[in-house]
Protein backbone atom coordinates (compact mmCIF):
# COMPACT_ATOMS: atom_id res chain seq x y z
CA UNK A 1 2.34 37.90 -62.30
CA UNK A 2 5.95 36.93 -62.56
CA UNK A 3 6.94 36.90 -58.93
CA UNK A 4 6.88 33.86 -56.70
CA UNK A 5 5.51 35.99 -53.87
CA UNK A 6 3.33 38.75 -55.32
CA UNK A 7 3.04 42.04 -53.48
CA UNK A 8 -0.54 43.06 -52.76
CA UNK A 9 -1.76 46.54 -51.95
CA UNK A 10 -4.48 46.48 -49.31
CA UNK A 11 -7.77 47.99 -50.35
CA UNK A 12 -7.58 50.48 -47.47
CA UNK A 13 -4.13 51.68 -48.53
CA UNK A 14 -5.79 53.62 -51.35
CA UNK A 15 -8.73 54.73 -49.22
CA UNK A 16 -12.31 54.88 -50.39
CA UNK A 17 -12.30 58.00 -52.58
CA UNK A 18 -10.83 56.63 -55.81
CA UNK A 19 -12.64 54.82 -58.59
CA UNK A 20 -11.71 51.24 -59.47
CA UNK A 21 -9.52 52.13 -62.46
CA UNK A 22 -7.59 54.72 -60.44
CA UNK A 23 -7.02 52.05 -57.78
CA UNK A 24 -5.57 49.61 -60.33
CA UNK A 25 -3.47 52.28 -62.05
CA UNK A 26 -1.99 53.51 -58.76
CA UNK A 27 -1.16 49.96 -57.68
CA UNK A 28 0.54 49.18 -60.99
CA UNK A 29 2.51 52.44 -61.04
CA UNK A 30 3.72 51.77 -57.50
CA UNK A 31 4.99 48.31 -58.50
CA UNK A 32 2.35 46.12 -56.86
CA UNK A 33 1.29 42.83 -58.45
CA UNK A 34 -2.21 42.73 -57.04
CA UNK A 35 -4.90 44.56 -55.16
CA UNK A 36 -7.02 43.67 -52.18
CA UNK A 37 -10.74 43.86 -52.79
CA UNK A 38 -13.41 44.49 -50.15
CA UNK A 39 -17.11 43.94 -50.70
CA UNK A 40 -17.55 47.72 -50.54
CA UNK A 41 -14.91 48.25 -53.23
CA UNK A 42 -16.67 45.78 -55.50
CA UNK A 43 -20.09 47.39 -54.89
CA UNK A 44 -18.56 50.82 -55.56
CA UNK A 45 -17.22 49.53 -58.90
CA UNK A 46 -20.66 48.22 -59.81
CA UNK A 47 -22.16 51.58 -58.82
CA UNK A 48 -19.69 53.24 -61.21
CA UNK A 49 -21.47 51.27 -63.91
CA UNK A 50 -18.78 48.63 -64.31
CA UNK A 51 -19.65 45.03 -65.06
CA UNK A 52 -17.61 42.04 -63.91
CA UNK A 53 -16.10 41.94 -67.41
CA UNK A 54 -15.18 45.64 -67.16
CA UNK A 55 -13.47 44.99 -63.82
CA UNK A 56 -11.47 42.11 -65.29
CA UNK A 57 -10.57 44.22 -68.33
CA UNK A 58 -9.27 47.02 -66.08
CA UNK A 59 -7.23 44.55 -64.03
CA UNK A 60 -5.75 43.17 -67.25
CA UNK A 61 -5.10 46.66 -68.65
CA UNK A 62 -2.78 47.38 -65.72
CA UNK A 63 -1.46 43.81 -65.41
CA UNK A 64 -2.89 43.62 -61.89
CA UNK A 65 -4.74 40.73 -60.28
CA UNK A 66 -7.05 40.53 -57.31
CA UNK A 67 -4.79 38.64 -54.92
CA UNK A 68 -6.75 39.22 -51.74
CA UNK A 69 -10.41 39.26 -50.79
CA UNK A 70 -10.65 41.22 -47.60
CA UNK A 71 -12.77 40.83 -44.53
CA UNK A 72 -16.49 41.34 -44.19
CA UNK A 73 -17.48 43.10 -40.98
CA UNK A 74 -20.67 42.97 -38.92
CA UNK A 75 -21.75 39.77 -40.67
CA UNK A 76 -24.20 38.69 -37.95
CA UNK A 77 -24.89 42.01 -36.28
CA UNK A 78 -28.50 43.11 -35.78
CA UNK A 79 -29.88 45.39 -36.91
CA UNK A 80 -27.80 45.32 -40.07
CA UNK A 81 -27.48 48.41 -42.23
CA UNK A 82 -28.59 48.38 -45.86
CA UNK A 83 -24.95 48.10 -46.94
CA UNK A 84 -24.37 45.11 -44.68
CA UNK A 85 -27.52 43.39 -45.92
CA UNK A 86 -26.42 43.99 -49.51
CA UNK A 87 -23.21 42.04 -48.94
């Protein structure tokens, strides 16, 4: 990252239908320095079969960093869904 104030693309800007590498590629091609990452986005990447190392390698491939960790919703809500418990 060469900018003093990096520009981050929110995780919701790219929706929830693209795989992790597509997300990084789109952000890089649009001129962003970093991506926002939600717990769901991370779990989706793991479900794609990616490891933490794979995720870092993809970020590096596109010269993108994770510059924002986004909110977690329904943290204390009962009953919690499976997805919420997994977080």
